[in-house]
Amino acid sequence: MAGAGRMKRVQRADGLRQLLIADRERSLQRWAVPGRRDEWLDDLRAHVPVVVSSAQLLCALMHAGLPYQQFAYGGADWGKSFVLDENDRLHTHAPVANLGRAEAGRIGLS
């Protein structure tokens, strides 16, 4: 049988915010600190604007089986940060290297 044992790639219909929520929840299954809320995940669920790094986008897209290369090393959007607004539109923010320590910690980069 031709193609036996090969996975079929399917396109996901989830929105970007839902992909980020699913990826964060998956990550927290292993890395959550007991008794500590994840403020970034809370903000995602509340549909408020959040800062998202190219690394976070890369992971969410990669785990969903979607194209992620533009956010990988050498890609057009590697090393950038973005704002995912309340209407789930992605806007360029500032380079991750220019984020302050508090902001980098808040979005999970420190």
C-alpha atoms as a PDB file:
ATOM      1  CA  MET A   1       0.000   0.000   0.000  1.00  0.00           C
ATOM      2  CA  ALA A   2       1.568   3.259  -1.149  1.00  0.00           C
ATOM      3  CA  GLY A   3       2.063   5.831   1.581  1.00  0.00           C
ATOM      4  CA  ALA A   4       1.334   3.421   4.442  1.00  0.00           C
ATOM      5  CA  GLY A   5       2.660   4.704   7.748  1.00  0.00           C
ATOM      6  CA  ARG A   6       2.928   8.298   6.565  1.00  0.00           C
ATOM      7  CA  MET A   7       1.046  11.044   8.346  1.00  0.00           C
ATOM      8  CA  LYS A   8      -1.274  13.210   6.316  1.00  0.00           C
ATOM      9  CA  ARG A   9      -0.809  16.904   6.952  1.00  0.00           C
ATOM     10  CA  VAL A  10      -4.108  18.710   7.410  1.00  0.00           C
ATOM     11  CA  GLN A  11      -4.755  22.412   7.597  1.00  0.00           C
ATOM     12  CA  ARG A  12      -5.927  23.726  10.947  1.00  0.00           C
ATOM     13  CA  ALA A  13      -8.813  26.183  11.079  1.00  0.00           C
ATOM     14  CA  ASP A  14      -7.923  27.493  14.552  1.00  0.00           C
ATOM     15  CA  GLY A  15      -7.116  31.163  14.943  1.00  0.00           C
ATOM     16  CA  LEU A  16      -3.676  32.289  16.034  1.00  0.00           C
ATOM     17  CA  ARG A  17      -4.823  33.092  19.579  1.00  0.00           C
ATOM     18  CA  GLN A  18      -6.294  29.594  19.932  1.00  0.00           C
ATOM     19  CA  LEU A  19      -3.031  28.074  18.663  1.00  0.00           C
ATOM     20  CA  LEU A  20      -1.039  30.080  21.214  1.00  0.00           C
ATOM     21  CA  ILE A  21      -3.414  29.060  24.025  1.00  0.00           C
ATOM     22  CA  ALA A  22      -3.207  25.383  23.055  1.00  0.00           C
ATOM     23  CA  ASP A  23       0.588  25.495  22.844  1.00  0.00           C
ATOM     24  CA  ARG A  24       0.936  27.283  26.201  1.00  0.00           C
ATOM     25  CA  GLU A  25      -1.417  24.774  27.875  1.00  0.00           C
ATOM     26  CA  ARG A  26       0.606  21.914  26.373  1.00  0.00           C
ATOM     27  CA  SER A  27       3.823  23.451  27.678  1.00  0.00           C
ATOM     28  CA  LEU A  28       2.383  24.070  31.146  1.00  0.00           C
ATOM     29  CA  GLN A  29       1.412  20.412  31.515  1.00  0.00           C
ATOM     30  CA  ARG A  30       5.109  19.792  31.990  1.00  0.00           C
ATOM     31  CA  TRP A  31       6.545  23.087  33.213  1.00  0.00           C
ATOM     32  CA  ALA A  32       3.833  24.767  35.329  1.00  0.00           C
ATOM     33  CA  VAL A  33       4.813  25.997  38.784  1.00  0.00           C
ATOM     34  CA  PRO A  34       2.243  24.648  41.279  1.00  0.00           C
ATOM     35  CA  GLY A  35       0.110  27.397  42.780  1.00  0.00           C
ATOM     36  CA  ARG A  36       1.287  30.042  40.321  1.00  0.00           C
ATOM     37  CA  ARG A  37      -1.020  31.508  37.676  1.00  0.00           C
ATOM     38  CA  ASP A  38       0.265  32.028  34.164  1.00  0.00           C
ATOM     39  CA  GLU A  39      -0.571  35.673  33.470  1.00  0.00           C
ATOM     40  CA  TRP A  40       0.285  35.439  29.763  1.00  0.00           C
ATOM     41  CA  LEU A  41      -2.150  32.544  29.327  1.00  0.00           C
ATOM     42  CA  ASP A  42      -4.786  34.433  31.334  1.00  0.00           C
ATOM     43  CA  ASP A  43      -4.347  37.438  29.024  1.00  0.00           C
ATOM     44  CA  LEU A  44      -4.614  35.252  25.922  1.00  0.00           C
ATOM     45  CA  ARG A  45      -7.855  33.752  27.216  1.00  0.00           C
ATOM     46  CA  ALA A  46      -9.225  37.217  28.085  1.00  0.00           C
ATOM     47  CA  HIS A  47      -8.691  38.396  24.485  1.00  0.00           C
ATOM     48  CA  VAL A  48      -6.627  41.384  25.551  1.00  0.00           C
ATOM     49  CA  PRO A  49      -3.583  42.554  23.562  1.00  0.00           C
ATOM     50  CA  VAL A  50      -0.467  40.491  24.334  1.00  0.00           C
ATOM     51  CA  VAL A  51       3.164  40.679  23.265  1.00  0.00           C
ATOM     52  CA  VAL A  52       4.213  37.541  21.390  1.00  0.00           C
ATOM     53  CA  SER A  53       7.779  36.625  20.449  1.00  0.00           C
ATOM     54  CA  SER A  54       8.799  34.987  17.192  1.00  0.00           C
ATOM     55  CA  ALA A  55       9.864  31.972  19.292  1.00  0.00           C
ATOM     56  CA  GLN A  56       6.367  31.621  20.753  1.00  0.00           C
ATOM     57  CA  LEU A  57       4.826  31.880  17.281  1.00  0.00           C
ATOM     58  CA  LEU A  58       7.318  29.366  15.897  1.00  0.00           C
ATOM     59  CA  CYS A  59       6.475  26.808  18.594  1.00  0.00           C
ATOM     60  CA  ALA A  60       2.708  27.230  18.301  1.00  0.00           C
ATOM     61  CA  LEU A  61       2.747  26.959  14.505  1.00  0.00           C
ATOM     62  CA  MET A  62       5.233  24.080  14.470  1.00  0.00           C
ATOM     63  CA  HIS A  63       3.256  22.039  17.013  1.00  0.00           C
ATOM     64  CA  ALA A  64       0.070  22.650  14.993  1.00  0.00           C
ATOM     65  CA  GLY A  65       1.753  21.377  11.825  1.00  0.00           C
ATOM     66  CA  LEU A  66       1.556  24.764  10.121  1.00  0.00           C
ATOM     67  CA  PRO A  67       4.277  26.670   8.228  1.00  0.00           C
ATOM     68  CA  TYR A  68       6.640  28.297  10.724  1.00  0.00           C
ATOM     69  CA  GLN A  69       9.848  28.980   8.782  1.00  0.00           C
ATOM     70  CA  GLN A  70       9.451  32.775   8.692  1.00  0.00           C
ATOM     71  CA  PHE A  71       9.805  32.810  12.514  1.00  0.00           C
ATOM     72  CA  ALA A  72      12.794  30.414  12.623  1.00  0.00           C
ATOM     73  CA  TYR A  73      16.471  31.436  12.654  1.00  0.00           C
ATOM     74  CA  GLY A  74      17.212  33.232   9.405  1.00  0.00           C
ATOM     75  CA  GLY A  75      13.522  33.758   8.610  1.00  0.00           C
ATOM     76  CA  ALA A  76      12.067  37.167   7.801  1.00  0.00           C
ATOM     77  CA  ASP A  77      10.486  37.523  11.268  1.00  0.00           C
ATOM     78  CA  TRP A  78      13.127  35.772  13.396  1.00  0.00           C
ATOM     79  CA  GLY A  79      13.983  37.665  16.591  1.00  0.00           C
ATOM     80  CA  LYS A  80      11.004  39.991  16.373  1.00  0.00           C
ATOM     81  CA  SER A  81       8.186  40.550  18.785  1.00  0.00           C
ATOM     82  CA  PHE A  82       4.601  41.277  17.914  1.00  0.00           C
ATOM     83  CA  VAL A  83       1.400  42.467  19.520  1.00  0.00           C
ATOM     84  CA  LEU A  84      -1.615  40.221  19.096  1.00  0.00           C
ATOM     85  CA  ASP A  85      -4.454  42.707  19.508  1.00  0.00           C
ATOM     86  CA  GLU A  86      -7.945  42.153  20.925  1.00  0.00           C
ATOM     87  CA  ASN A  87      -9.204  41.426  17.385  1.00  0.00           C
ATOM     88  CA  ASP A  88      -6.499  38.763  16.901  1.00  0.00           C
ATOM     89  CA  ARG A  89      -4.507  40.809  14.401  1.00  0.00           C
ATOM     90  CA  LEU A  90      -0.735  40.545  14.631  1.00  0.00           C
ATOM     91  CA  HIS A  91       1.293  43.788  14.582  1.00  0.00           C
ATOM     92  CA  THR A  92       5.071  44.217  14.622  1.00  0.00           C
ATOM     93  CA  HIS A  93       6.242  45.378  18.056  1.00  0.00           C
ATOM     94  CA  ALA A  94       9.961  45.778  18.764  1.00  0.00           C
ATOM     95  CA  PRO A  95      12.973  43.475  18.471  1.00  0.00           C
ATOM     96  CA  VAL A  96      13.090  41.038  21.392  1.00  0.00           C
ATOM     97  CA  ALA A  97      16.583  42.342  22.237  1.00  0.00           C
ATOM     98  CA  ASN A  98      15.065  45.789  22.917  1.00  0.00           C
ATOM     99  CA  LEU A  99      12.515  44.577  25.460  1.00  0.00           C
ATOM    100  CA  GLY A 100      13.099  45.554  29.057  1.00  0.00           C
ATOM    101  CA  ARG A 101      13.785  42.837  31.618  1.00  0.00           C
ATOM    102  CA  ALA A 102      10.322  43.144  33.223  1.00  0.00           C
ATOM    103  CA  GLU A 103       8.523  42.955  29.875  1.00  0.00           C
ATOM    104  CA  ALA A 104      10.694  40.055  28.700  1.00  0.00           C
ATOM    105  CA  GLY A 105       9.874  38.206  31.920  1.00  0.00           C
ATOM    106  CA  ARG A 106       6.189  38.902  31.537  1.00  0.00           C
ATOM    107  CA  ILE A 107       6.089  37.340  28.075  1.00  0.00           C
ATOM    108  CA  GLY A 108       8.225  34.362  29.062  1.00  0.00           C
ATOM    109  CA  LEU A 109      11.553  35.327  27.484  1.00  0.00           C
ATOM    110  CA  SER A 110      13.753  35.501  30.564  1.00  0.00           C
END
